[in-house]
Each structure stands twice: as structure tokens, then as C-alpha cells.
Amino acid sequence: MRSKIYLLGLIAVVVLVAGCVTELTSVDDAGSIESGERVAILVTEQHQIDDALENGPVLLKAGADWCPPCRQLDPVIDELAIDYEGRATVMYIDTTLSPGLASKFNVYSIPDTTVIVDIEDGNYIFMRYDGVKEQDRNKARVVGYMEKETFETILDHAIEYRGDISED
């Protein structure tokens, strides 16, 4: 009887862990920045996002160090910070360090990334993948790991949008 319980326990552990490691590139192989330092800006307070929005769109990733897909996405986010320097600000929330800030953005699954293009009447305006601005973050968020090109598309739309509104 005891061996059956151990076997069932082992099967349960295997099933639970199996979903956590599927199709992930090793964090070491994910193209990390040479120095090992993060290039994206760690956000701990909402005013940091608001201040950055004065200079252009903000790509905001929410994640945690203990999350393998988040760590896999970190090098992509850092590359975007380098590539878009001066045109957009790339920031991240560590949901373990700043759970209150993550809850303000209704982060329920990580990694969770959005591009904020503006603030209207105290509410953030987000950019969707198709270039449409959106007040509902749920319609503009990217949940999980995505390739760099996905974020480039959204950022390019956001930069174009910000250029259009500054010309008005």
C-alpha cells in the first residue's frame, strides 16, 4: 500500500513539473547581455513609468527571477532596451519585489508585457500588436515568451503613434 502511495505521489510531481519546463531555451543560451547586468530599468513605483512616458512609449515587462520563461525573456527585453534607446523606455517589474505595482496592472500570469503609449484622463493607453491604441490592457498584453520581433512591431507602432500625436 505504501509503495502505491509513493508511486502516485511521484506521478503527481512529474505531471506538475512537466508543464514548467516545456520547450524553453536554456537561460544561458538565450543570448544574454555579456556583462550579466540588466539593461532594462527596474520599476518599483508607478511614478517611474509616468516620468518615462514623458519621453516616449514604455515597454513594461512583469516577471520574476524564479520564473523560467521570464528569465528566458530577459535577454530579449535587454536587447530591446539597447535597440530602442532614445526612442522608447524599456522597464520591468519584479513581481516578487513589487507585488502591489504588479497588481495595479492586473498581472495574473508571468511574463506579462505591454507597451504604454500615453496617459489620458489618468488612465494608461496601450498599444496592440496591430497598431491600435487600447485603454483595456487585457487586449494589448503579451503573456508568455515571445520573439523579439513581436515586441519590435508593437514598439514601432507606439513610436509612430507618439510621433503622430506630437505633430498635432
C-alpha atoms as a PDB file:
ATOM      1  CA  MET A   1       0.000   0.000   0.000  1.00  0.00           C
ATOM      2  CA  ARG A   2       2.812   2.400   0.887  1.00  0.00           C
ATOM      3  CA  SER A   3       4.542   1.814  -2.443  1.00  0.00           C
ATOM      4  CA  LYS A   4       1.325   2.692  -4.304  1.00  0.00           C
ATOM      5  CA  ILE A   5       1.094   5.983  -2.395  1.00  0.00           C
ATOM      6  CA  TYR A   6       4.730   6.777  -3.201  1.00  0.00           C
ATOM      7  CA  LEU A   7       4.150   5.894  -6.848  1.00  0.00           C
ATOM      8  CA  LEU A   8       1.049   8.131  -7.030  1.00  0.00           C
ATOM      9  CA  GLY A   9       2.973  10.936  -5.350  1.00  0.00           C
ATOM     10  CA  LEU A  10       5.836  10.560  -7.819  1.00  0.00           C
ATOM     11  CA  ILE A  11       3.432  10.614 -10.774  1.00  0.00           C
ATOM     12  CA  ALA A  12       1.747  13.752  -9.400  1.00  0.00           C
ATOM     13  CA  VAL A  13       5.100  15.515  -9.049  1.00  0.00           C
ATOM     14  CA  VAL A  14       6.133  14.567 -12.594  1.00  0.00           C
ATOM     15  CA  VAL A  15       2.835  15.818 -14.021  1.00  0.00           C
ATOM     16  CA  LEU A  16       3.058  19.118 -12.129  1.00  0.00           C
ATOM     17  CA  VAL A  17       6.686  19.755 -13.051  1.00  0.00           C
ATOM     18  CA  ALA A  18       6.298  18.730 -16.704  1.00  0.00           C
ATOM     19  CA  GLY A  19       4.401  21.925 -17.589  1.00  0.00           C
ATOM     20  CA  CYS A  20       7.130  24.126 -16.131  1.00  0.00           C
ATOM     21  CA  VAL A  21       9.936  23.032 -18.420  1.00  0.00           C
ATOM     22  CA  THR A  22       8.420  22.508 -21.833  1.00  0.00           C
ATOM     23  CA  GLU A  23      10.173  23.967 -24.885  1.00  0.00           C
ATOM     24  CA  LEU A  24      12.303  26.543 -23.089  1.00  0.00           C
ATOM     25  CA  THR A  25      15.678  27.642 -24.304  1.00  0.00           C
ATOM     26  CA  SER A  26      18.300  27.441 -21.603  1.00  0.00           C
ATOM     27  CA  VAL A  27      18.681  30.776 -19.857  1.00  0.00           C
ATOM     28  CA  ASP A  28      22.415  30.597 -20.586  1.00  0.00           C
ATOM     29  CA  ASP A  29      21.706  30.091 -24.299  1.00  0.00           C
ATOM     30  CA  ALA A  30      19.114  32.861 -24.594  1.00  0.00           C
ATOM     31  CA  GLY A  31      21.600  35.477 -25.799  1.00  0.00           C
ATOM     32  CA  SER A  32      22.218  37.262 -22.531  1.00  0.00           C
ATOM     33  CA  ILE A  33      23.991  40.584 -22.380  1.00  0.00           C
ATOM     34  CA  GLU A  34      27.718  39.975 -21.864  1.00  0.00           C
ATOM     35  CA  SER A  35      28.121  41.746 -18.517  1.00  0.00           C
ATOM     36  CA  GLY A  36      25.217  39.899 -16.937  1.00  0.00           C
ATOM     37  CA  GLU A  37      23.765  43.246 -15.848  1.00  0.00           C
ATOM     38  CA  ARG A  38      20.208  44.171 -16.742  1.00  0.00           C
ATOM     39  CA  VAL A  39      19.837  46.989 -19.262  1.00  0.00           C
ATOM     40  CA  ALA A  40      16.094  47.403 -18.785  1.00  0.00           C
ATOM     41  CA  ILE A  41      15.092  49.634 -15.877  1.00  0.00           C
ATOM     42  CA  LEU A  42      13.693  48.038 -12.713  1.00  0.00           C
ATOM     43  CA  VAL A  43      10.441  49.758 -11.749  1.00  0.00           C
ATOM     44  CA  THR A  44       9.389  49.852  -8.115  1.00  0.00           C
ATOM     45  CA  GLU A  45       6.983  52.811  -8.205  1.00  0.00           C
ATOM     46  CA  GLN A  46       4.358  53.904 -10.695  1.00  0.00           C
ATOM     47  CA  HIS A  47       5.730  57.450 -10.999  1.00  0.00           C
ATOM     48  CA  GLN A  48       8.820  55.977 -12.717  1.00  0.00           C
ATOM     49  CA  ILE A  49       6.580  54.798 -15.556  1.00  0.00           C
ATOM     50  CA  ASP A  50       4.753  58.129 -15.694  1.00  0.00           C
ATOM     51  CA  ASP A  51       8.060  60.033 -15.825  1.00  0.00           C
ATOM     52  CA  ALA A  52       9.396  57.798 -18.610  1.00  0.00           C
ATOM     53  CA  LEU A  53       6.193  58.303 -20.640  1.00  0.00           C
ATOM     54  CA  GLU A  54       7.072  61.987 -20.960  1.00  0.00           C
ATOM     55  CA  ASN A  55       9.928  60.926 -23.268  1.00  0.00           C
ATOM     56  CA  GLY A  56       8.084  58.338 -25.353  1.00  0.00           C
ATOM     57  CA  PRO A  57       6.453  54.912 -25.161  1.00  0.00           C
ATOM     58  CA  VAL A  58       7.288  52.455 -22.385  1.00  0.00           C
ATOM     59  CA  LEU A  59       7.641  48.710 -22.845  1.00  0.00           C
ATOM     60  CA  LEU A  60       6.821  47.191 -19.443  1.00  0.00           C
ATOM     61  CA  LYS A  61       7.502  43.548 -18.608  1.00  0.00           C
ATOM     62  CA  ALA A  62       6.264  41.967 -15.385  1.00  0.00           C
ATOM     63  CA  GLY A  63       8.053  38.833 -14.239  1.00  0.00           C
ATOM     64  CA  ALA A  64      10.128  37.222 -11.508  1.00  0.00           C
ATOM     65  CA  ASP A  65      13.574  35.671 -11.132  1.00  0.00           C
ATOM     66  CA  TRP A  66      12.119  32.283 -10.168  1.00  0.00           C
ATOM     67  CA  CYS A  67      10.113  32.052 -13.435  1.00  0.00           C
ATOM     68  CA  PRO A  68      11.979  30.222 -16.271  1.00  0.00           C
ATOM     69  CA  PRO A  69      10.038  31.877 -19.146  1.00  0.00           C
ATOM     70  CA  CYS A  70      10.667  35.276 -17.515  1.00  0.00           C
ATOM     71  CA  ARG A  71      14.397  34.614 -17.341  1.00  0.00           C
ATOM     72  CA  GLN A  72      14.315  33.438 -20.951  1.00  0.00           C
ATOM     73  CA  LEU A  73      12.640  36.714 -21.962  1.00  0.00           C
ATOM     74  CA  ASP A  74      15.071  38.948 -20.014  1.00  0.00           C
ATOM     75  CA  PRO A  75      17.797  38.987 -22.714  1.00  0.00           C
ATOM     76  CA  VAL A  76      15.193  39.909 -25.347  1.00  0.00           C
ATOM     77  CA  ILE A  77      13.937  42.765 -23.172  1.00  0.00           C
ATOM     78  CA  ASP A  78      17.502  43.971 -22.547  1.00  0.00           C
ATOM     79  CA  GLU A  79      18.297  43.877 -26.287  1.00  0.00           C
ATOM     80  CA  LEU A  80      15.184  45.964 -26.933  1.00  0.00           C
ATOM     81  CA  ALA A  81      16.352  48.476 -24.311  1.00  0.00           C
ATOM     82  CA  ILE A  82      19.595  48.885 -26.262  1.00  0.00           C
ATOM     83  CA  ASP A  83      17.980  48.908 -29.706  1.00  0.00           C
ATOM     84  CA  TYR A  84      15.285  51.458 -28.767  1.00  0.00           C
ATOM     85  CA  GLU A  85      17.383  53.717 -26.550  1.00  0.00           C
ATOM     86  CA  GLY A  86      16.294  57.322 -27.065  1.00  0.00           C
ATOM     87  CA  ARG A  87      13.033  56.288 -28.761  1.00  0.00           C
ATOM     88  CA  ALA A  88      11.335  54.212 -26.047  1.00  0.00           C
ATOM     89  CA  THR A  89      11.993  53.227 -22.445  1.00  0.00           C
ATOM     90  CA  VAL A  90      12.175  49.541 -21.550  1.00  0.00           C
ATOM     91  CA  MET A  91      11.277  48.740 -17.952  1.00  0.00           C
ATOM     92  CA  TYR A  92      10.397  45.717 -15.860  1.00  0.00           C
ATOM     93  CA  ILE A  93       8.526  44.955 -12.665  1.00  0.00           C
ATOM     94  CA  ASP A  94       9.820  42.168 -10.431  1.00  0.00           C
ATOM     95  CA  THR A  95       6.506  40.825  -9.134  1.00  0.00           C
ATOM     96  CA  THR A  96       8.229  39.340  -6.101  1.00  0.00           C
ATOM     97  CA  LEU A  97       9.783  42.676  -5.098  1.00  0.00           C
ATOM     98  CA  SER A  98       6.803  44.870  -6.062  1.00  0.00           C
ATOM     99  CA  PRO A  99       3.595  42.808  -5.869  1.00  0.00           C
ATOM    100  CA  GLY A 100       1.488  45.936  -5.284  1.00  0.00           C
ATOM    101  CA  LEU A 101       2.683  47.526  -8.501  1.00  0.00           C
ATOM    102  CA  ALA A 102       2.077  44.287 -10.398  1.00  0.00           C
ATOM    103  CA  SER A 103      -1.469  44.152  -9.045  1.00  0.00           C
ATOM    104  CA  LYS A 104      -2.125  47.710 -10.301  1.00  0.00           C
ATOM    105  CA  PHE A 105      -1.546  46.293 -13.777  1.00  0.00           C
ATOM    106  CA  ASN A 106      -3.658  43.183 -13.065  1.00  0.00           C
ATOM    107  CA  VAL A 107      -0.730  40.860 -13.681  1.00  0.00           C
ATOM    108  CA  TYR A 108      -2.056  37.334 -13.235  1.00  0.00           C
ATOM    109  CA  SER A 109       0.393  35.328 -15.314  1.00  0.00           C
ATOM    110  CA  ILE A 110       4.068  35.981 -15.985  1.00  0.00           C
ATOM    111  CA  PRO A 111       5.856  37.019 -18.041  1.00  0.00           C
ATOM    112  CA  ASP A 112       3.343  39.724 -18.919  1.00  0.00           C
ATOM    113  CA  THR A 113       4.445  42.511 -21.242  1.00  0.00           C
ATOM    114  CA  THR A 114       2.704  45.620 -22.591  1.00  0.00           C
ATOM    115  CA  VAL A 115       3.636  48.831 -24.336  1.00  0.00           C
ATOM    116  CA  ILE A 116       2.211  52.009 -22.819  1.00  0.00           C
ATOM    117  CA  VAL A 117       1.977  54.898 -25.270  1.00  0.00           C
ATOM    118  CA  ASP A 118       0.276  57.642 -23.305  1.00  0.00           C
ATOM    119  CA  ILE A 119      -1.848  58.709 -20.355  1.00  0.00           C
ATOM    120  CA  GLU A 120      -5.327  60.122 -20.983  1.00  0.00           C
ATOM    121  CA  ASP A 121      -7.508  61.325 -18.104  1.00  0.00           C
ATOM    122  CA  GLY A 122      -5.252  59.492 -15.641  1.00  0.00           C
ATOM    123  CA  ASN A 123      -5.507  56.172 -17.498  1.00  0.00           C
ATOM    124  CA  TYR A 124      -2.774  54.449 -19.449  1.00  0.00           C
ATOM    125  CA  ILE A 125      -3.201  53.949 -23.189  1.00  0.00           C
ATOM    126  CA  PHE A 126      -1.651  50.726 -24.503  1.00  0.00           C
ATOM    127  CA  MET A 127      -0.538  49.724 -27.996  1.00  0.00           C
ATOM    128  CA  ARG A 128      -1.775  46.477 -29.501  1.00  0.00           C
ATOM    129  CA  TYR A 129       0.221  44.323 -31.908  1.00  0.00           C
ATOM    130  CA  ASP A 130      -1.936  45.523 -34.814  1.00  0.00           C
ATOM    131  CA  GLY A 131      -1.137  49.200 -34.111  1.00  0.00           C
ATOM    132  CA  VAL A 132      -4.457  50.078 -32.498  1.00  0.00           C
ATOM    133  CA  LYS A 133      -4.332  52.035 -29.232  1.00  0.00           C
ATOM    134  CA  GLU A 134      -6.285  50.452 -26.414  1.00  0.00           C
ATOM    135  CA  GLN A 135      -7.387  51.510 -22.927  1.00  0.00           C
ATOM    136  CA  ASP A 136      -8.010  47.895 -21.868  1.00  0.00           C
ATOM    137  CA  ARG A 137      -4.601  46.413 -21.041  1.00  0.00           C
ATOM    138  CA  ASN A 138      -6.000  42.890 -21.340  1.00  0.00           C
ATOM    139  CA  LYS A 139      -6.442  43.442 -25.071  1.00  0.00           C
ATOM    140  CA  ALA A 140      -2.889  44.735 -25.514  1.00  0.00           C
ATOM    141  CA  ARG A 141      -0.847  42.454 -23.247  1.00  0.00           C
ATOM    142  CA  VAL A 142       1.569  39.794 -24.391  1.00  0.00           C
ATOM    143  CA  VAL A 143       1.580  36.886 -21.952  1.00  0.00           C
ATOM    144  CA  GLY A 144       4.438  34.403 -22.035  1.00  0.00           C
ATOM    145  CA  TYR A 145       7.634  34.302 -24.039  1.00  0.00           C
ATOM    146  CA  MET A 146       7.584  35.925 -27.478  1.00  0.00           C
ATOM    147  CA  GLU A 147      10.302  36.550 -30.005  1.00  0.00           C
ATOM    148  CA  LYS A 148      11.953  39.954 -30.193  1.00  0.00           C
ATOM    149  CA  GLU A 149      10.183  40.752 -33.477  1.00  0.00           C
ATOM    150  CA  THR A 150       6.783  40.733 -31.760  1.00  0.00           C
ATOM    151  CA  PHE A 151       7.858  43.469 -29.369  1.00  0.00           C
ATOM    152  CA  GLU A 152       9.611  45.391 -32.157  1.00  0.00           C
ATOM    153  CA  THR A 153       6.336  45.508 -34.088  1.00  0.00           C
ATOM    154  CA  ILE A 154       4.444  46.876 -31.087  1.00  0.00           C
ATOM    155  CA  LEU A 155       7.169  49.382 -30.214  1.00  0.00           C
ATOM    156  CA  ASP A 156       7.379  50.606 -33.809  1.00  0.00           C
ATOM    157  CA  HIS A 157       3.602  51.205 -33.824  1.00  0.00           C
ATOM    158  CA  ALA A 158       3.896  53.016 -30.479  1.00  0.00           C
ATOM    159  CA  ILE A 159       6.714  55.251 -31.690  1.00  0.00           C
ATOM    160  CA  GLU A 160       4.757  56.072 -34.847  1.00  0.00           C
ATOM    161  CA  TYR A 161       1.675  56.875 -32.753  1.00  0.00           C
ATOM    162  CA  ARG A 162       3.660  59.146 -30.437  1.00  0.00           C
ATOM    163  CA  GLY A 163       5.125  60.918 -33.474  1.00  0.00           C
ATOM    164  CA  ASP A 164       1.646  61.441 -34.902  1.00  0.00           C
ATOM    165  CA  ILE A 165       0.238  62.947 -31.730  1.00  0.00           C
ATOM    166  CA  SER A 166       3.217  65.245 -31.249  1.00  0.00           C
ATOM    167  CA  GLU A 167       2.658  66.698 -34.742  1.00  0.00           C
ATOM    168  CA  ASP A 168      -0.943  67.661 -33.908  1.00  0.00           C
END
